[in-house]
Structure formats: structure tokens, C-alpha cells
Amino acid sequence: LATPFWGLVTYIGVLYLRPMEVYPFLSQFHIARIFG
């Protein structure tokens, strides 16, 4: 929310690292959509 650059970095990081697959309980929160 502070700067668009870090927003893009975190969004790409979430898409690349896929924490929803590592921790299945996070899949219900739609993390990539929230960061987007």
C-alpha cells in the first residue's frame, strides 16, 4: 500500500513462492488476489 514498486515485488513473490501450496490452510484467504 505504501509504494507501487514494493507492491509489485510482493505480488510477484507471492505468485512465485506460492505459500498457499506450502501451507494449505492459507488457500482459503486468496493471498495473491489480496496482494494484487
ModelCIF file with pLDDT and N, C-alpha, C, O atoms, coordinates in Angstrom:
data_MODEL
#
_entry.id   MODEL 
#
_entity.id                         1 
_entity.type                       polymer 
_entity.pdbx_number_of_molecules   1 
#
_entity_poly.entity_id                      1 
_entity_poly.type                           'polypeptide(L)' 
_entity_poly.nstd_linkage                   no 
_entity_poly.nstd_monomer                   no 
_entity_poly.pdbx_seq_one_letter_code       LATPFWGLVTYIGVLYLRPMEVYPFLSQFHIARIFG 
_entity_poly.pdbx_seq_one_letter_code_can   LATPFWGLVTYIGVLYLRPMEVYPFLSQFHIARIFG 
_entity_poly.pdbx_strand_id                 A 
#
loop_
_entity_poly_seq.entity_id 
_entity_poly_seq.num 
_entity_poly_seq.mon_id 
_entity_poly_seq.hetero 
1 1  LEU n 
1 2  ALA n 
1 3  THR n 
1 4  PRO n 
1 5  PHE n 
1 6  TRP n 
1 7  GLY n 
1 8  LEU n 
1 9  VAL n 
1 10 THR n 
1 11 TYR n 
1 12 ILE n 
1 13 GLY n 
1 14 VAL n 
1 15 LEU n 
1 16 TYR n 
1 17 LEU n 
1 18 ARG n 
1 19 PRO n 
1 20 MET n 
1 21 GLU n 
1 22 VAL n 
1 23 TYR n 
1 24 PRO n 
1 25 PHE n 
1 26 LEU n 
1 27 SER n 
1 28 GLN n 
1 29 PHE n 
1 30 HIS n 
1 31 ILE n 
1 32 ALA n 
1 33 ARG n 
1 34 ILE n 
1 35 PHE n 
1 36 GLY n 
#
_struct_asym.id          A 
_struct_asym.entity_id   1 
#
loop_
_ma_qa_metric.id 
_ma_qa_metric.mode 
_ma_qa_metric.name 
_ma_qa_metric.software_group_id 
_ma_qa_metric.type 
1 global pLDDT . pLDDT 
2 local  pLDDT . pLDDT 
#
_ma_qa_metric_global.metric_id      1 
_ma_qa_metric_global.metric_value   84.25 
_ma_qa_metric_global.model_id       1 
_ma_qa_metric_global.ordinal_id     1 
#
loop_
_ma_qa_metric_local.label_asym_id 
_ma_qa_metric_local.label_comp_id 
_ma_qa_metric_local.label_seq_id 
_ma_qa_metric_local.metric_id 
_ma_qa_metric_local.metric_value 
_ma_qa_metric_local.model_id 
_ma_qa_metric_local.ordinal_id 
A LEU 1  2 81.00 1 1  
A ALA 2  2 81.00 1 2  
A THR 3  2 80.00 1 3  
A PRO 4  2 79.00 1 4  
A PHE 5  2 84.00 1 5  
A TRP 6  2 84.00 1 6  
A GLY 7  2 83.00 1 7  
A LEU 8  2 86.00 1 8  
A VAL 9  2 86.00 1 9  
A THR 10 2 86.00 1 10 
A TYR 11 2 86.00 1 11 
A ILE 12 2 88.00 1 12 
A GLY 13 2 87.00 1 13 
A VAL 14 2 86.00 1 14 
A LEU 15 2 87.00 1 15 
A TYR 16 2 90.00 1 16 
A LEU 17 2 87.00 1 17 
A ARG 18 2 86.00 1 18 
A PRO 19 2 83.00 1 19 
A MET 20 2 82.00 1 20 
A GLU 21 2 85.00 1 21 
A VAL 22 2 84.00 1 22 
A TYR 23 2 82.00 1 23 
A PRO 24 2 84.00 1 24 
A PHE 25 2 82.00 1 25 
A LEU 26 2 79.00 1 26 
A SER 27 2 81.00 1 27 
A GLN 28 2 86.00 1 28 
A PHE 29 2 83.00 1 29 
A HIS 30 2 85.00 1 30 
A ILE 31 2 84.00 1 31 
A ALA 32 2 85.00 1 32 
A ARG 33 2 87.00 1 33 
A ILE 34 2 85.00 1 34 
A PHE 35 2 84.00 1 35 
A GLY 36 2 85.00 1 36 
#
loop_
_atom_site.group_PDB 
_atom_site.id 
_atom_site.type_symbol 
_atom_site.label_atom_id 
_atom_site.label_alt_id 
_atom_site.label_comp_id 
_atom_site.label_asym_id 
_atom_site.label_entity_id 
_atom_site.label_seq_id 
_atom_site.pdbx_PDB_ins_code 
_atom_site.Cartn_x 
_atom_site.Cartn_y 
_atom_site.Cartn_z 
_atom_site.occupancy 
_atom_site.B_iso_or_equiv 
_atom_site.pdbx_formal_charge 
_atom_site.auth_seq_id 
_atom_site.auth_comp_id 
_atom_site.auth_asym_id 
_atom_site.auth_atom_id 
_atom_site.pdbx_PDB_model_num 
ATOM 1   N N  . LEU A 1 1  ? 0.819  -1.207  0.000  1.00 81.00 ? 1  LEU A N  1 
ATOM 2   C CA . LEU A 1 1  ? 0.000  0.000   0.000  1.00 81.00 ? 1  LEU A CA 1 
ATOM 3   C C  . LEU A 1 1  ? 0.857  1.263   0.000  1.00 81.00 ? 1  LEU A C  1 
ATOM 4   O O  . LEU A 1 1  ? 0.393  2.322   -0.424 1.00 81.00 ? 1  LEU A O  1 
ATOM 5   N N  . ALA A 1 2  ? 2.104  1.167   0.471  1.00 81.00 ? 2  ALA A N  1 
ATOM 6   C CA . ALA A 1 2  ? 2.957  2.352   0.581  1.00 81.00 ? 2  ALA A CA 1 
ATOM 7   C C  . ALA A 1 2  ? 3.507  2.788   -0.778 1.00 81.00 ? 2  ALA A C  1 
ATOM 8   O O  . ALA A 1 2  ? 3.401  3.960   -1.141 1.00 81.00 ? 2  ALA A O  1 
ATOM 9   N N  . THR A 1 3  ? 4.085  1.866   -1.518 1.00 80.00 ? 3  THR A N  1 
ATOM 10  C CA . THR A 1 3  ? 4.660  2.221   -2.819 1.00 80.00 ? 3  THR A CA 1 
ATOM 11  C C  . THR A 1 3  ? 4.296  1.152   -3.847 1.00 80.00 ? 3  THR A C  1 
ATOM 12  O O  . THR A 1 3  ? 4.214  -0.027  -3.505 1.00 80.00 ? 3  THR A O  1 
ATOM 13  N N  . PRO A 1 4  ? 4.079  1.544   -5.083 1.00 79.00 ? 4  PRO A N  1 
ATOM 14  C CA . PRO A 1 4  ? 3.730  0.562   -6.115 1.00 79.00 ? 4  PRO A CA 1 
ATOM 15  C C  . PRO A 1 4  ? 4.848  -0.428  -6.420 1.00 79.00 ? 4  PRO A C  1 
ATOM 16  O O  . PRO A 1 4  ? 4.581  -1.576  -6.777 1.00 79.00 ? 4  PRO A O  1 
ATOM 17  N N  . PHE A 1 5  ? 6.101  0.010   -6.282 1.00 84.00 ? 5  PHE A N  1 
ATOM 18  C CA . PHE A 1 5  ? 7.211  -0.898  -6.573 1.00 84.00 ? 5  PHE A CA 1 
ATOM 19  C C  . PHE A 1 5  ? 7.207  -2.085  -5.625 1.00 84.00 ? 5  PHE A C  1 
ATOM 20  O O  . PHE A 1 5  ? 7.298  -3.231  -6.065 1.00 84.00 ? 5  PHE A O  1 
ATOM 21  N N  . TRP A 1 6  ? 7.103  -1.824  -4.338 1.00 84.00 ? 6  TRP A N  1 
ATOM 22  C CA . TRP A 1 6  ? 7.103  -2.927  -3.377 1.00 84.00 ? 6  TRP A CA 1 
ATOM 23  C C  . TRP A 1 6  ? 5.831  -3.757  -3.479 1.00 84.00 ? 6  TRP A C  1 
ATOM 24  O O  . TRP A 1 6  ? 5.834  -4.946  -3.158 1.00 84.00 ? 6  TRP A O  1 
ATOM 25  N N  . GLY A 1 7  ? 4.755  -3.139  -3.921 1.00 83.00 ? 7  GLY A N  1 
ATOM 26  C CA . GLY A 1 7  ? 3.541  -3.908  -4.172 1.00 83.00 ? 7  GLY A CA 1 
ATOM 27  C C  . GLY A 1 7  ? 3.743  -4.917  -5.276 1.00 83.00 ? 7  GLY A C  1 
ATOM 28  O O  . GLY A 1 7  ? 3.299  -6.060  -5.175 1.00 83.00 ? 7  GLY A O  1 
ATOM 29  N N  . LEU A 1 8  ? 4.416  -4.491  -6.334 1.00 86.00 ? 8  LEU A N  1 
ATOM 30  C CA . LEU A 1 8  ? 4.700  -5.402  -7.440 1.00 86.00 ? 8  LEU A CA 1 
ATOM 31  C C  . LEU A 1 8  ? 5.671  -6.498  -7.017 1.00 86.00 ? 8  LEU A C  1 
ATOM 32  O O  . LEU A 1 8  ? 5.506  -7.656  -7.401 1.00 86.00 ? 8  LEU A O  1 
ATOM 33  N N  . VAL A 1 9  ? 6.673  -6.142  -6.234 1.00 86.00 ? 9  VAL A N  1 
ATOM 34  C CA . VAL A 1 9  ? 7.649  -7.131  -5.766 1.00 86.00 ? 9  VAL A CA 1 
ATOM 35  C C  . VAL A 1 9  ? 6.972  -8.178  -4.880 1.00 86.00 ? 9  VAL A C  1 
ATOM 36  O O  . VAL A 1 9  ? 7.223  -9.373  -5.037 1.00 86.00 ? 9  VAL A O  1 
ATOM 37  N N  . THR A 1 10 ? 6.124  -7.748  -3.962 1.00 86.00 ? 10 THR A N  1 
ATOM 38  C CA . THR A 1 10 ? 5.454  -8.715  -3.084 1.00 86.00 ? 10 THR A CA 1 
ATOM 39  C C  . THR A 1 10 ? 4.451  -9.561  -3.857 1.00 86.00 ? 10 THR A C  1 
ATOM 40  O O  . THR A 1 10 ? 4.295  -10.747 -3.567 1.00 86.00 ? 10 THR A O  1 
ATOM 41  N N  . TYR A 1 11 ? 3.768  -8.972  -4.837 1.00 86.00 ? 11 TYR A N  1 
ATOM 42  C CA . TYR A 1 11 ? 2.812  -9.744  -5.629 1.00 86.00 ? 11 TYR A CA 1 
ATOM 43  C C  . TYR A 1 11 ? 3.521  -10.831 -6.430 1.00 86.00 ? 11 TYR A C  1 
ATOM 44  O O  . TYR A 1 11 ? 3.066  -11.974 -6.472 1.00 86.00 ? 11 TYR A O  1 
ATOM 45  N N  . ILE A 1 12 ? 4.629  -10.475 -7.062 1.00 88.00 ? 12 ILE A N  1 
ATOM 46  C CA . ILE A 1 12 ? 5.387  -11.469 -7.825 1.00 88.00 ? 12 ILE A CA 1 
ATOM 47  C C  . ILE A 1 12 ? 5.989  -12.506 -6.876 1.00 88.00 ? 12 ILE A C  1 
ATOM 48  O O  . ILE A 1 12 ? 6.064  -13.687 -7.213 1.00 88.00 ? 12 ILE A O  1 
ATOM 49  N N  . GLY A 1 13 ? 6.417  -12.064 -5.689 1.00 87.00 ? 13 GLY A N  1 
ATOM 50  C CA . GLY A 1 13 ? 6.944  -13.014 -4.711 1.00 87.00 ? 13 GLY A CA 1 
ATOM 51  C C  . GLY A 1 13 ? 5.902  -14.010 -4.250 1.00 87.00 ? 13 GLY A C  1 
ATOM 52  O O  . GLY A 1 13 ? 6.201  -15.195 -4.098 1.00 87.00 ? 13 GLY A O  1 
ATOM 53  N N  . VAL A 1 14 ? 4.688  -13.548 -4.027 1.00 86.00 ? 14 VAL A N  1 
ATOM 54  C CA . VAL A 1 14 ? 3.609  -14.458 -3.619 1.00 86.00 ? 14 VAL A CA 1 
ATOM 55  C C  . VAL A 1 14 ? 3.289  -15.429 -4.744 1.00 86.00 ? 14 VAL A C  1 
ATOM 56  O O  . VAL A 1 14 ? 3.070  -16.614 -4.493 1.00 86.00 ? 14 VAL A O  1 
ATOM 57  N N  . LEU A 1 15 ? 3.258  -14.946 -5.981 1.00 87.00 ? 15 LEU A N  1 
ATOM 58  C CA . LEU A 1 15 ? 2.984  -15.839 -7.099 1.00 87.00 ? 15 LEU A CA 1 
ATOM 59  C C  . LEU A 1 15 ? 4.112  -16.851 -7.320 1.00 87.00 ? 15 LEU A C  1 
ATOM 60  O O  . LEU A 1 15 ? 3.857  -17.994 -7.701 1.00 87.00 ? 15 LEU A O  1 
ATOM 61  N N  . TYR A 1 16 ? 5.342  -16.434 -7.085 1.00 90.00 ? 16 TYR A N  1 
ATOM 62  C CA . TYR A 1 16 ? 6.480  -17.329 -7.316 1.00 90.00 ? 16 TYR A CA 1 
ATOM 63  C C  . TYR A 1 16 ? 6.650  -18.336 -6.177 1.00 90.00 ? 16 TYR A C  1 
ATOM 64  O O  . TYR A 1 16 ? 6.876  -19.519 -6.429 1.00 90.00 ? 16 TYR A O  1 
ATOM 65  N N  . LEU A 1 17 ? 6.542  -17.881 -4.934 1.00 87.00 ? 17 LEU A N  1 
ATOM 66  C CA . LEU A 1 17 ? 6.789  -18.764 -3.797 1.00 87.00 ? 17 LEU A CA 1 
ATOM 67  C C  . LEU A 1 17 ? 5.595  -19.657 -3.450 1.00 87.00 ? 17 LEU A C  1 
ATOM 68  O O  . LEU A 1 17 ? 5.772  -20.719 -2.853 1.00 87.00 ? 17 LEU A O  1 
ATOM 69  N N  . ARG A 1 18 ? 4.395  -19.239 -3.814 1.00 86.00 ? 18 ARG A N  1 
ATOM 70  C CA . ARG A 1 18 ? 3.156  -19.995 -3.596 1.00 86.00 ? 18 ARG A CA 1 
ATOM 71  C C  . ARG A 1 18 ? 3.005  -20.496 -2.160 1.00 86.00 ? 18 ARG A C  1 
ATOM 72  O O  . ARG A 1 18 ? 3.039  -21.703 -1.920 1.00 86.00 ? 18 ARG A O  1 
ATOM 73  N N  . PRO A 1 19 ? 2.839  -19.587 -1.211 1.00 83.00 ? 19 PRO A N  1 
ATOM 74  C CA . PRO A 1 19 ? 2.669  -20.042 0.175  1.00 83.00 ? 19 PRO A CA 1 
ATOM 75  C C  . PRO A 1 19 ? 1.365  -20.798 0.382  1.00 83.00 ? 19 PRO A C  1 
ATOM 76  O O  . PRO A 1 19 ? 1.222  -21.511 1.375  1.00 83.00 ? 19 PRO A O  1 
ATOM 77  N N  . MET A 1 20 ? 0.412  -20.657 -0.535 1.00 82.00 ? 20 MET A N  1 
ATOM 78  C CA . MET A 1 20 ? -0.846 -21.368 -0.409 1.00 82.00 ? 20 MET A CA 1 
ATOM 79  C C  . MET A 1 20 ? -0.667 -22.871 -0.604 1.00 82.00 ? 20 MET A C  1 
ATOM 80  O O  . MET A 1 20 ? -1.443 -23.656 -0.060 1.00 82.00 ? 20 MET A O  1 
ATOM 81  N N  . GLU A 1 21 ? 0.339  -23.282 -1.366 1.00 85.00 ? 21 GLU A N  1 
ATOM 82  C CA . GLU A 1 21 ? 0.583  -24.702 -1.562 1.00 85.00 ? 21 GLU A CA 1 
ATOM 83  C C  . GLU A 1 21 ? 1.460  -25.287 -0.467 1.00 85.00 ? 21 GLU A C  1 
ATOM 84  O O  . GLU A 1 21 ? 1.355  -26.470 -0.145 1.00 85.00 ? 21 GLU A O  1 
ATOM 85  N N  . VAL A 1 22 ? 2.327  -24.455 0.105  1.00 84.00 ? 22 VAL A N  1 
ATOM 86  C CA . VAL A 1 22 ? 3.183  -24.934 1.189  1.00 84.00 ? 22 VAL A CA 1 
ATOM 87  C C  . VAL A 1 22 ? 2.368  -25.105 2.474  1.00 84.00 ? 22 VAL A C  1 
ATOM 88  O O  . VAL A 1 22 ? 2.504  -26.103 3.182  1.00 84.00 ? 22 VAL A O  1 
ATOM 89  N N  . TYR A 1 23 ? 1.519  -24.112 2.758  1.00 82.00 ? 23 TYR A N  1 
ATOM 90  C CA . TYR A 1 23 ? 0.649  -24.151 3.919  1.00 82.00 ? 23 TYR A CA 1 
ATOM 91  C C  . TYR A 1 23 ? -0.796 -24.191 3.429  1.00 82.00 ? 23 TYR A C  1 
ATOM 92  O O  . TYR A 1 23 ? -1.345 -23.145 3.085  1.00 82.00 ? 23 TYR A O  1 
ATOM 93  N N  . PRO A 1 24 ? -1.428 -25.363 3.386  1.00 84.00 ? 24 PRO A N  1 
ATOM 94  C CA . PRO A 1 24 ? -2.767 -25.475 2.795  1.00 84.00 ? 24 PRO A CA 1 
ATOM 95  C C  . PRO A 1 24 ? -3.840 -24.641 3.510  1.00 84.00 ? 24 PRO A C  1 
ATOM 96  O O  . PRO A 1 24 ? -4.846 -24.290 2.893  1.00 84.00 ? 24 PRO A O  1 
ATOM 97  N N  . PHE A 1 25 ? -3.650 -24.318 4.787  1.00 82.00 ? 25 PHE A N  1 
ATOM 98  C CA . PHE A 1 25 ? -4.665 -23.528 5.480  1.00 82.00 ? 25 PHE A CA 1 
ATOM 99  C C  . PHE A 1 25 ? -4.723 -22.096 4.972  1.00 82.00 ? 25 PHE A C  1 
ATOM 100 O O  . PHE A 1 25 ? -5.689 -21.390 5.261  1.00 82.00 ? 25 PHE A O  1 
ATOM 101 N N  . LEU A 1 26 ? -3.717 -21.641 4.220  1.00 79.00 ? 26 LEU A N  1 
ATOM 102 C CA . LEU A 1 26 ? -3.720 -20.295 3.645  1.00 79.00 ? 26 LEU A CA 1 
ATOM 103 C C  . LEU A 1 26 ? -4.490 -20.214 2.328  1.00 79.00 ? 26 LEU A C  1 
ATOM 104 O O  . LEU A 1 26 ? -4.747 -19.119 1.829  1.00 79.00 ? 26 LEU A O  1 
ATOM 105 N N  . SER A 1 27 ? -4.857 -21.359 1.766  1.00 81.00 ? 27 SER A N  1 
ATOM 106 C CA . SER A 1 27 ? -5.516 -21.340 0.460  1.00 81.00 ? 27 SER A CA 1 
ATOM 107 C C  . SER A 1 27 ? -6.910 -20.715 0.518  1.00 81.00 ? 27 SER A C  1 
ATOM 108 O O  . SER A 1 27 ? -7.419 -20.267 -0.509 1.00 81.00 ? 27 SER A O  1 
ATOM 109 N N  . GLN A 1 28 ? -7.522 -20.676 1.665  1.00 86.00 ? 28 GLN A N  1 
ATOM 110 C CA . GLN A 1 28 ? -8.859 -20.102 1.780  1.00 86.00 ? 28 GLN A CA 1 
ATOM 111 C C  . GLN A 1 28 ? -8.846 -18.578 1.806  1.00 86.00 ? 28 GLN A C  1 
ATOM 112 O O  . GLN A 1 28 ? -9.908 -17.965 1.696  1.00 86.00 ? 28 GLN A O  1 
ATOM 113 N N  . PHE A 1 29 ? -7.684 -17.947 1.947  1.00 83.00 ? 29 PHE A N  1 
ATOM 114 C CA . PHE A 1 29 ? -7.602 -16.497 2.061  1.00 83.00 ? 29 PHE A CA 1 
ATOM 115 C C  . PHE A 1 29 ? -7.366 -15.778 0.731  1.00 83.00 ? 29 PHE A C  1 
ATOM 116 O O  . PHE A 1 29 ? -7.449 -14.551 0.695  1.00 83.00 ? 29 PHE A O  1 
ATOM 117 N N  . HIS A 1 30 ? -7.078 -16.485 -0.356 1.00 85.00 ? 30 HIS A N  1 
ATOM 118 C CA . HIS A 1 30 ? -6.825 -15.896 -1.672 1.00 85.00 ? 30 HIS A CA 1 
ATOM 119 C C  . HIS A 1 30 ? -5.746 -14.809 -1.577 1.00 85.00 ? 30 HIS A C  1 
ATOM 120 O O  . HIS A 1 30 ? -5.986 -13.649 -1.914 1.00 85.00 ? 30 HIS A O  1 
ATOM 121 N N  . ILE A 1 31 ? -4.583 -15.197 -1.124 1.00 84.00 ? 31 ILE A N  1 
ATOM 122 C CA . ILE A 1 31 ? -3.500 -14.261 -0.833 1.00 84.00 ? 31 ILE A CA 1 
ATOM 123 C C  . ILE A 1 31 ? -3.051 -13.498 -2.072 1.00 84.00 ? 31 ILE A C  1 
ATOM 124 O O  . ILE A 1 31 ? -2.803 -12.294 -1.993 1.00 84.00 ? 31 ILE A O  1 
ATOM 125 N N  . ALA A 1 32 ? -2.943 -14.164 -3.203 1.00 85.00 ? 32 ALA A N  1 
ATOM 126 C CA . ALA A 1 32 ? -2.487 -13.478 -4.422 1.00 85.00 ? 32 ALA A CA 1 
ATOM 127 C C  . ALA A 1 32 ? -3.479 -12.392 -4.830 1.00 85.00 ? 32 ALA A C  1 
ATOM 128 O O  . ALA A 1 32 ? -3.075 -11.317 -5.272 1.00 85.00 ? 32 ALA A O  1 
ATOM 129 N N  . ARG A 1 33 ? -4.755 -12.665 -4.686 1.00 87.00 ? 33 ARG A N  1 
ATOM 130 C CA . ARG A 1 33 ? -5.765 -11.657 -5.035 1.00 87.00 ? 33 ARG A CA 1 
ATOM 131 C C  . ARG A 1 33 ? -5.703 -10.468 -4.086 1.00 87.00 ? 33 ARG A C  1 
ATOM 132 O O  . ARG A 1 33 ? -5.855 -9.325  -4.516 1.00 87.00 ? 33 ARG A O  1 
ATOM 133 N N  . ILE A 1 34 ? -5.483 -10.724 -2.807 1.00 85.00 ? 34 ILE A N  1 
ATOM 134 C CA . ILE A 1 34 ? -5.381 -9.647  -1.817 1.00 85.00 ? 34 ILE A CA 1 
ATOM 135 C C  . ILE A 1 34 ? -4.181 -8.757  -2.119 1.00 85.00 ? 34 ILE A C  1 
ATOM 136 O O  . ILE A 1 34 ? -4.290 -7.533  -2.060 1.00 85.00 ? 34 ILE A O  1 
ATOM 137 N N  . PHE A 1 35 ? -3.034 -9.361  -2.444 1.00 84.00 ? 35 PHE A N  1 
ATOM 138 C CA . PHE A 1 35 ? -1.848 -8.573  -2.764 1.00 84.00 ? 35 PHE A CA 1 
ATOM 139 C C  . PHE A 1 35 ? -2.007 -7.830  -4.086 1.00 84.00 ? 35 PHE A C  1 
ATOM 140 O O  . PHE A 1 35 ? -1.493 -6.722  -4.236 1.00 84.00 ? 35 PHE A O  1 
ATOM 141 N N  . GLY A 1 36 ? -2.705 -8.420  -5.037 1.00 85.00 ? 36 GLY A N  1 
ATOM 142 C CA . GLY A 1 36 ? -2.959 -7.727  -6.295 1.00 85.00 ? 36 GLY A CA 1 
ATOM 143 C C  . GLY A 1 36 ? -3.833 -6.503  -6.104 1.00 85.00 ? 36 GLY A C  1 
ATOM 144 O O  . GLY A 1 36 ? -4.140 -5.807  -7.072 1.00 85.00 ? 36 GLY A O  1 
#
